[in-house]
N, C-alpha and C. Protein backbone atom coordinates (compact mmCIF):
# COMPACT_ATOMS: atom_id res chain seq x y z
N MET A 1 -26.01 4.06 -48.84
CA MET A 1 -26.51 3.07 -47.90
C MET A 1 -25.62 2.96 -46.85
N GLU A 2 -24.87 2.02 -47.54
CA GLU A 2 -23.63 1.73 -46.91
C GLU A 2 -22.60 2.97 -46.28
N SER A 3 -22.57 3.71 -46.36
CA SER A 3 -21.84 5.01 -45.60
C SER A 3 -22.51 5.59 -44.87
N HIS A 4 -24.26 5.12 -44.49
CA HIS A 4 -24.89 5.40 -43.13
C HIS A 4 -24.68 4.24 -42.21
N PHE A 5 -24.33 3.11 -42.30
CA PHE A 5 -24.21 2.10 -41.45
C PHE A 5 -22.90 2.11 -40.88
N MET A 6 -21.95 2.55 -42.17
CA MET A 6 -20.37 2.86 -41.44
C MET A 6 -20.17 4.00 -40.52
N LYS A 7 -20.84 5.16 -40.58
CA LYS A 7 -21.28 6.08 -39.91
C LYS A 7 -21.51 5.59 -38.21
N ILE A 8 -22.67 4.64 -38.11
CA ILE A 8 -23.39 4.14 -37.27
C ILE A 8 -22.82 3.39 -36.31
N LYS A 9 -21.29 2.51 -37.14
CA LYS A 9 -20.43 1.56 -36.53
C LYS A 9 -19.47 2.48 -35.79
N THR A 10 -19.04 3.31 -36.39
CA THR A 10 -17.80 4.25 -36.28
C THR A 10 -18.49 4.93 -34.86
N MET A 11 -19.94 5.51 -34.83
CA MET A 11 -20.29 5.82 -33.55
C MET A 11 -20.16 5.29 -32.32
N LYS A 12 -20.19 3.79 -32.25
CA LYS A 12 -20.59 2.66 -31.38
C LYS A 12 -19.08 2.27 -31.24
N ASN A 13 -18.11 2.49 -32.01
CA ASN A 13 -16.75 2.16 -31.42
C ASN A 13 -16.37 3.54 -30.87
N LEU A 14 -16.34 4.54 -31.26
CA LEU A 14 -16.15 5.69 -30.25
C LEU A 14 -16.85 5.87 -28.95
N LYS A 15 -17.72 5.69 -28.65
CA LYS A 15 -19.16 5.37 -27.49
C LYS A 15 -17.87 4.76 -26.79
N SER A 16 -17.59 3.34 -27.38
CA SER A 16 -17.23 2.55 -26.49
C SER A 16 -15.44 2.73 -25.94
N ILE A 17 -15.04 3.34 -27.10
CA ILE A 17 -13.44 4.11 -26.57
C ILE A 17 -13.91 4.98 -25.68
N LEU A 18 -14.48 6.12 -25.79
CA LEU A 18 -15.27 7.08 -24.71
C LEU A 18 -15.20 6.79 -22.89
N MET A 19 -16.32 5.35 -23.00
CA MET A 19 -16.58 4.70 -21.96
C MET A 19 -15.32 4.04 -21.42
N ALA A 20 -14.56 3.35 -22.45
CA ALA A 20 -13.12 2.85 -21.69
C ALA A 20 -12.73 3.70 -20.89
N VAL A 21 -12.46 4.56 -21.69
CA VAL A 21 -11.20 5.70 -21.19
C VAL A 21 -12.08 6.30 -19.60
N ALA A 22 -13.38 6.70 -19.79
CA ALA A 22 -13.69 7.10 -18.57
C ALA A 22 -13.70 6.19 -17.21
N ILE A 23 -13.94 5.18 -17.68
CA ILE A 23 -13.76 4.12 -16.73
C ILE A 23 -12.36 4.01 -15.97
N LEU A 24 -11.26 3.92 -17.11
CA LEU A 24 -9.80 4.14 -16.68
C LEU A 24 -9.67 5.17 -15.73
N ALA A 25 -10.51 6.42 -15.91
CA ALA A 25 -10.12 7.24 -15.44
C ALA A 25 -10.44 7.49 -14.00
N LEU A 26 -11.80 6.97 -13.57
CA LEU A 26 -12.02 6.78 -12.57
C LEU A 26 -11.53 5.77 -11.91
N ALA A 27 -11.21 4.80 -12.39
CA ALA A 27 -10.31 3.69 -11.32
C ALA A 27 -8.89 4.22 -11.19
N SER A 28 -8.37 5.50 -11.89
CA SER A 28 -7.20 5.67 -11.45
C SER A 28 -7.35 6.71 -10.28
N SER A 29 -7.91 7.36 -10.31
CA SER A 29 -8.27 8.59 -9.73
C SER A 29 -8.93 7.99 -8.15
N TYR A 30 -9.58 6.96 -8.18
CA TYR A 30 -9.82 6.21 -7.03
C TYR A 30 -8.56 5.63 -6.58
N ALA A 31 -7.92 4.97 -7.20
CA ALA A 31 -6.70 4.23 -6.70
C ALA A 31 -5.89 5.16 -5.86
N LEU A 32 -5.64 6.33 -6.51
CA LEU A 32 -4.84 7.40 -6.01
C LEU A 32 -5.40 8.15 -4.73
N ALA A 33 -6.72 8.09 -4.48
CA ALA A 33 -7.54 9.33 -3.72
C ALA A 33 -7.43 8.00 -2.35
N GLY A 34 -7.60 6.73 -2.60
CA GLY A 34 -7.64 5.82 -1.04
C GLY A 34 -6.71 5.07 -1.37
N GLY A 35 -5.75 5.12 -2.55
CA GLY A 35 -4.43 3.99 -2.44
C GLY A 35 -3.23 4.45 -1.70
N VAL A 36 -2.44 3.58 -1.54
CA VAL A 36 -0.99 3.38 -0.61
C VAL A 36 -0.21 2.82 -1.95
N LYS A 37 1.15 3.46 -1.32
CA LYS A 37 2.21 2.80 -1.90
C LYS A 37 3.19 2.32 -0.66
N VAL A 38 3.69 0.94 -0.86
CA VAL A 38 4.38 0.22 0.30
C VAL A 38 5.96 0.70 0.04
N ILE A 39 6.59 0.99 1.06
CA ILE A 39 7.96 1.66 0.71
C ILE A 39 8.81 0.91 1.73
N ALA A 40 10.34 1.17 1.52
CA ALA A 40 11.20 -0.20 2.45
C ALA A 40 12.62 0.89 2.13
N ASN A 41 13.26 0.92 3.14
CA ASN A 41 14.48 1.19 3.29
C ASN A 41 15.37 0.85 2.18
N SER A 42 16.31 1.20 1.69
CA SER A 42 16.98 0.80 0.32
C SER A 42 17.65 -0.12 0.73
N SER A 43 17.69 -0.69 2.11
CA SER A 43 18.86 -2.21 2.41
C SER A 43 17.75 -3.18 2.35
N VAL A 44 16.84 -2.70 2.07
CA VAL A 44 16.03 -4.34 1.52
C VAL A 44 16.44 -4.47 0.30
N LYS A 45 16.31 -5.95 0.38
CA LYS A 45 16.74 -6.57 -1.06
C LYS A 45 15.43 -6.43 -2.20
N ALA A 46 14.38 -6.86 -1.57
CA ALA A 46 13.16 -6.67 -2.60
C ALA A 46 12.81 -5.58 -3.34
N ASP A 47 12.56 -5.95 -4.58
CA ASP A 47 11.61 -4.99 -5.36
C ASP A 47 9.72 -5.49 -5.15
N SER A 48 9.85 -6.67 -4.58
CA SER A 48 8.05 -6.45 -4.59
C SER A 48 8.07 -7.39 -3.24
N VAL A 49 6.70 -7.58 -3.02
CA VAL A 49 6.46 -8.36 -1.96
C VAL A 49 5.24 -8.87 -2.05
N SER A 50 4.87 -10.31 -1.35
CA SER A 50 3.20 -10.60 -1.91
C SER A 50 2.32 -9.72 -1.11
N ALA A 51 0.98 -9.72 -0.91
CA ALA A 51 0.04 -8.92 -0.04
C ALA A 51 0.34 -10.34 1.16
N ASP A 52 0.27 -11.43 1.24
CA ASP A 52 0.49 -12.55 2.52
C ASP A 52 1.78 -12.39 2.94
N GLU A 53 2.86 -12.18 2.63
CA GLU A 53 4.11 -11.88 3.09
C GLU A 53 3.86 -10.02 3.57
N LEU A 54 3.48 -9.27 3.08
CA LEU A 54 3.20 -7.77 3.96
C LEU A 54 2.26 -8.37 5.44
N LYS A 55 1.16 -8.89 4.91
CA LYS A 55 0.48 -8.96 5.98
C LYS A 55 1.31 -9.68 7.40
N SER A 56 2.30 -11.07 6.86
CA SER A 56 2.79 -11.27 7.77
C SER A 56 3.87 -10.66 8.93
N VAL A 57 4.29 -9.73 7.89
CA VAL A 57 5.38 -8.84 8.64
C VAL A 57 4.96 -7.67 9.21
N PHE A 58 3.48 -7.35 8.87
CA PHE A 58 2.77 -5.59 9.87
C PHE A 58 2.34 -6.66 11.05
N LEU A 59 1.67 -7.90 11.15
CA LEU A 59 1.15 -8.75 12.24
C LEU A 59 2.10 -9.09 12.73
N GLU A 60 2.94 -8.88 12.57
CA GLU A 60 4.63 -9.54 13.79
C GLU A 60 4.79 -11.15 13.56
N GLU A 61 4.58 -11.68 12.37
CA GLU A 61 4.37 -13.13 12.51
C GLU A 61 5.72 -13.68 11.77
N THR A 62 6.44 -12.66 11.02
CA THR A 62 7.54 -12.66 10.57
C THR A 62 8.77 -11.50 10.51
N SER A 63 10.05 -11.69 10.57
CA SER A 63 10.70 -10.28 10.79
C SER A 63 11.71 -10.29 9.22
N SER A 64 11.25 -11.43 8.30
CA SER A 64 12.04 -11.12 7.32
C SER A 64 10.96 -11.24 6.20
N LEU A 65 11.54 -10.88 4.74
CA LEU A 65 11.19 -11.27 3.78
C LEU A 65 11.49 -12.63 3.06
N ARG A 66 11.06 -13.00 1.85
CA ARG A 66 11.72 -14.28 1.24
C ARG A 66 12.60 -14.29 0.84
N ASP A 67 13.59 -13.14 0.63
CA ASP A 67 14.50 -12.87 0.02
C ASP A 67 15.54 -12.97 1.20
N GLY A 68 15.42 -12.79 2.43
CA GLY A 68 15.80 -13.24 3.76
C GLY A 68 16.25 -11.81 3.96
N SER A 69 16.04 -10.66 3.18
CA SER A 69 15.53 -9.36 4.16
C SER A 69 15.39 -9.36 5.43
N HIS A 70 15.89 -8.45 6.64
CA HIS A 70 15.14 -8.26 7.95
C HIS A 70 15.01 -7.27 7.52
N VAL A 71 13.13 -7.04 7.96
CA VAL A 71 12.38 -5.79 7.94
C VAL A 71 11.57 -5.56 9.38
N GLU A 72 11.25 -4.40 9.31
CA GLU A 72 10.69 -3.88 10.99
C GLU A 72 9.55 -3.03 10.07
N PRO A 73 7.81 -2.89 10.45
CA PRO A 73 7.17 -2.33 10.12
C PRO A 73 6.93 -1.48 10.89
N VAL A 74 6.62 -0.40 10.07
CA VAL A 74 6.48 1.13 10.22
C VAL A 74 5.17 1.27 10.28
N LEU A 75 4.50 1.98 11.23
CA LEU A 75 2.67 2.52 10.99
C LEU A 75 2.62 3.44 10.68
N ALA A 76 2.03 4.43 10.56
CA ALA A 76 1.09 5.87 10.42
C ALA A 76 0.11 5.66 12.02
N LYS A 77 0.03 6.92 13.00
CA LYS A 77 -0.72 6.85 13.41
C LYS A 77 -2.33 6.77 13.55
N GLY A 78 -2.38 7.94 12.17
CA GLY A 78 -4.07 7.49 11.71
C GLY A 78 -3.57 8.02 10.14
N GLY A 79 -4.93 8.66 9.67
CA GLY A 79 -5.35 8.76 8.43
C GLY A 79 -5.71 7.97 7.49
N ALA A 80 -5.74 8.92 6.12
CA ALA A 80 -6.40 8.01 5.20
C ALA A 80 -5.71 6.86 4.89
N ALA A 81 -4.54 6.93 4.52
CA ALA A 81 -3.19 6.10 4.20
C ALA A 81 -3.45 4.74 5.19
N HIS A 82 -3.42 5.07 6.08
CA HIS A 82 -3.37 4.10 7.52
C HIS A 82 -4.10 3.69 7.52
N GLU A 83 -6.02 4.25 7.65
CA GLU A 83 -7.04 3.30 7.06
C GLU A 83 -7.16 2.73 6.22
N ALA A 84 -6.89 2.87 4.87
CA ALA A 84 -6.77 2.07 3.59
C ALA A 84 -5.97 1.10 3.82
N PHE A 85 -4.57 1.10 4.32
CA PHE A 85 -3.53 0.29 4.42
C PHE A 85 -4.17 -1.27 5.29
N VAL A 86 -4.26 -0.40 6.63
CA VAL A 86 -4.64 -1.59 7.30
C VAL A 86 -6.43 -2.39 7.01
N LYS A 87 -6.98 -1.82 6.52
CA LYS A 87 -7.93 -2.56 5.68
C LYS A 87 -7.59 -3.28 4.67
N ASP A 88 -7.36 -2.93 3.64
CA ASP A 88 -6.86 -3.75 2.54
C ASP A 88 -6.01 -4.75 2.44
N TYR A 89 -4.71 -4.43 3.11
CA TYR A 89 -3.30 -5.39 3.60
C TYR A 89 -3.67 -6.38 4.85
N LEU A 90 -4.24 -5.86 5.46
CA LEU A 90 -4.16 -6.41 6.98
C LEU A 90 -5.38 -6.69 7.43
N GLY A 91 -6.77 -6.29 6.64
CA GLY A 91 -7.97 -7.26 6.70
C GLY A 91 -8.46 -6.62 8.39
N LYS A 92 -8.21 -5.41 8.69
CA LYS A 92 -8.42 -5.29 10.12
C LYS A 92 -9.12 -3.98 10.14
N SER A 93 -9.51 -3.22 11.01
CA SER A 93 -9.83 -1.67 11.83
C SER A 93 -8.65 -1.41 12.01
N ASP A 94 -8.55 0.03 12.67
CA ASP A 94 -7.19 0.52 13.49
C ASP A 94 -7.70 -0.06 14.68
N ALA A 95 -8.73 -0.08 15.26
CA ALA A 95 -9.34 -0.21 16.33
C ALA A 95 -8.67 -1.97 16.52
N ALA A 96 -9.37 -3.18 15.71
CA ALA A 96 -8.71 -4.33 16.22
C ALA A 96 -7.20 -4.02 15.86
N LEU A 97 -6.77 -3.71 15.14
CA LEU A 97 -5.00 -3.58 14.78
C LEU A 97 -5.05 -3.61 16.10
N GLN A 98 -4.99 -2.37 16.90
CA GLN A 98 -4.31 -2.04 18.29
C GLN A 98 -4.79 -2.92 19.08
N THR A 99 -5.58 -3.57 19.01
CA THR A 99 -6.18 -4.74 20.09
C THR A 99 -5.22 -5.89 19.96
N TYR A 100 -4.67 -6.44 18.69
CA TYR A 100 -4.26 -7.10 18.58
C TYR A 100 -3.00 -7.13 19.04
N TYR A 101 -1.97 -6.00 18.61
CA TYR A 101 -1.03 -5.53 19.17
C TYR A 101 -0.51 -5.44 20.22
N ARG A 102 -1.67 -4.87 21.08
CA ARG A 102 -1.75 -5.02 22.26
C ARG A 102 -1.52 -6.83 23.29
N SER A 103 -2.40 -7.22 22.71
CA SER A 103 -2.62 -8.95 22.96
C SER A 103 -1.39 -9.29 22.43
N LEU A 104 -0.77 -9.12 21.77
CA LEU A 104 0.73 -9.17 21.37
C LEU A 104 1.97 -9.22 22.54
N VAL A 105 1.86 -7.60 23.28
CA VAL A 105 2.53 -7.70 24.52
C VAL A 105 2.29 -8.30 25.43
N PHE A 106 1.01 -8.27 25.33
CA PHE A 106 0.27 -8.91 27.03
C PHE A 106 0.57 -10.34 27.22
N THR A 107 0.81 -10.88 25.80
CA THR A 107 1.10 -12.28 26.21
C THR A 107 2.40 -12.16 25.94
N GLY A 108 3.70 -11.32 25.74
CA GLY A 108 4.75 -11.57 25.91
C GLY A 108 5.34 -12.28 23.91
N LYS A 109 4.57 -12.40 23.04
CA LYS A 109 5.03 -12.68 22.10
C LYS A 109 5.21 -11.62 20.57
N GLY A 110 5.04 -10.33 21.35
CA GLY A 110 5.70 -9.58 20.35
C GLY A 110 5.53 -7.77 20.84
N SER A 111 5.90 -6.75 20.20
CA SER A 111 6.04 -5.61 20.78
C SER A 111 5.22 -4.56 20.02
N MET A 112 4.49 -3.31 20.43
CA MET A 112 4.09 -2.65 19.56
C MET A 112 4.91 -1.63 18.41
N PRO A 113 4.45 -2.02 17.21
CA PRO A 113 5.58 -1.51 16.47
C PRO A 113 5.93 0.27 16.09
N LYS A 114 6.95 1.01 15.48
CA LYS A 114 7.02 2.07 15.66
C LYS A 114 5.95 2.36 15.03
N THR A 115 5.70 3.67 15.52
CA THR A 115 4.75 4.48 14.76
C THR A 115 4.88 5.39 14.78
N VAL A 116 4.03 6.31 13.75
CA VAL A 116 5.02 7.97 13.66
C VAL A 116 3.82 8.77 13.00
N GLY A 117 4.03 9.86 12.69
CA GLY A 117 2.66 10.84 12.24
C GLY A 117 2.64 10.49 11.06
N GLY A 118 2.58 10.94 10.23
CA GLY A 118 2.01 10.78 8.62
C GLY A 118 2.90 10.30 7.55
N ASP A 119 2.77 10.88 6.34
CA ASP A 119 3.41 10.41 4.99
C ASP A 119 4.68 10.88 5.51
N ALA A 120 5.02 11.90 5.79
CA ALA A 120 6.65 12.76 5.73
C ALA A 120 7.36 11.71 6.82
N GLU A 121 6.45 11.66 7.56
CA GLU A 121 7.56 11.21 9.23
C GLU A 121 7.74 9.43 8.92
N ILE A 122 6.68 8.96 7.81
CA ILE A 122 7.11 7.49 7.49
C ILE A 122 8.02 7.67 6.80
N ALA A 123 8.08 8.38 5.53
CA ALA A 123 9.33 7.94 4.68
C ALA A 123 10.71 8.31 4.95
N ALA A 124 10.52 9.81 5.96
CA ALA A 124 11.90 10.23 6.78
C ALA A 124 12.14 8.85 7.51
N TYR A 125 11.72 8.13 8.65
CA TYR A 125 12.05 6.95 9.09
C TYR A 125 12.51 5.93 8.36
N VAL A 126 11.73 5.47 7.05
CA VAL A 126 11.94 4.56 6.68
C VAL A 126 13.34 4.66 5.81
N ALA A 127 13.72 6.12 5.34
CA ALA A 127 14.78 6.25 4.67
C ALA A 127 15.82 6.12 5.32
N LYS A 128 15.75 6.49 6.80
CA LYS A 128 17.16 6.11 7.45
C LYS A 128 17.23 5.14 8.68
N THR A 129 16.17 4.71 8.70
CA THR A 129 16.30 3.04 9.41
C THR A 129 16.75 1.85 8.01
N LYS A 130 17.54 0.98 8.67
CA LYS A 130 18.17 0.02 8.14
C LYS A 130 17.12 -1.15 8.45
N GLY A 131 16.81 -1.82 6.96
CA GLY A 131 15.24 -2.67 7.40
C GLY A 131 13.79 -2.47 7.51
N ALA A 132 13.51 -0.89 7.34
CA ALA A 132 12.37 -0.35 7.63
C ALA A 132 11.43 -0.52 6.60
N ILE A 133 10.03 -0.93 6.89
CA ILE A 133 9.29 -1.34 5.75
C ILE A 133 8.27 -0.20 6.41
N GLY A 134 7.32 0.33 5.33
CA GLY A 134 5.97 1.01 5.52
C GLY A 134 5.58 1.41 4.74
N TYR A 135 4.27 2.54 4.81
CA TYR A 135 3.57 2.98 3.72
C TYR A 135 2.81 4.38 3.97
N VAL A 136 2.68 5.05 2.24
CA VAL A 136 2.50 6.24 2.66
C VAL A 136 1.34 6.51 1.26
N SER A 137 0.62 7.54 1.21
CA SER A 137 -0.44 7.93 0.56
C SER A 137 0.44 7.53 -1.19
N ALA A 138 -0.52 6.75 -1.85
CA ALA A 138 -0.01 6.65 -3.55
C ALA A 138 0.78 8.05 -4.12
N GLY A 139 0.19 9.15 -3.71
CA GLY A 139 0.64 10.40 -4.22
C GLY A 139 1.61 11.29 -3.68
N ALA A 140 2.02 10.94 -2.40
CA ALA A 140 3.20 11.15 -1.67
C ALA A 140 4.28 11.32 -2.01
N SER A 141 5.41 11.94 -1.72
CA SER A 141 6.75 12.09 -1.90
C SER A 141 7.48 10.93 -0.58
N ALA A 142 8.25 9.99 -1.28
CA ALA A 142 9.00 8.92 -0.58
C ALA A 142 10.60 9.16 -1.01
N GLU A 143 10.94 10.16 -0.64
CA GLU A 143 12.46 10.17 -1.08
C GLU A 143 13.21 9.60 -0.27
N GLY A 144 14.26 8.80 -1.01
CA GLY A 144 15.13 8.31 -0.48
C GLY A 144 14.61 6.79 0.19
N THR A 145 13.55 6.25 -0.20
CA THR A 145 13.07 4.98 0.01
C THR A 145 12.70 4.48 -1.39
N LYS A 146 12.74 2.76 -1.31
CA LYS A 146 12.26 2.36 -2.41
C LYS A 146 10.63 1.52 -2.19
N VAL A 147 10.13 2.08 -3.38
CA VAL A 147 8.27 1.66 -3.77
C VAL A 147 8.51 -0.09 -3.66
N LEU A 148 7.92 -0.42 -2.88
CA LEU A 148 7.85 -2.14 -3.40
C LEU A 148 6.64 -2.41 -3.99
N GLU A 149 6.69 -3.11 -5.16
CA GLU A 149 5.19 -3.60 -5.84
C GLU A 149 4.76 -4.54 -4.74
N VAL A 150 3.48 -4.81 -4.67
CA VAL A 150 2.48 -5.57 -3.91
C VAL A 150 2.07 -6.90 -5.25
N LYS A 151 2.18 -7.74 -4.92
CA LYS A 151 1.37 -8.56 -5.50
C LYS A 151 0.66 -9.66 -4.76
């Protein structure tokens, strides 16, 4: 009788473990599919950046990080990584972001940030431009740049 209950308990534990693994796998694939990684030029001292700090940089409210590193944002012209970054970190749609930047230019409070093609172009620009900060798809190569952890 005892062994029957042990088998049932073992089966329940196994089901729980398999369910946890399945959920983790789904979450990981979702993060990679729609996720982005924030990259910076090697001249940027920081290894991490807060979400609020990142938003302030890309909305041109500040041009430096808390550690004093001067940064210049670079954006993609479009694509899944761009849409995810703008929505998740800036809380805007691409159209709303473009309107925001145009209003900065029109009022003389800012300028349009550098905009390039996609992941490869952003990584290349960030790698060669002192202080540049940008984003690429989570699975994209960002050789020559440093990945910043977003906290």
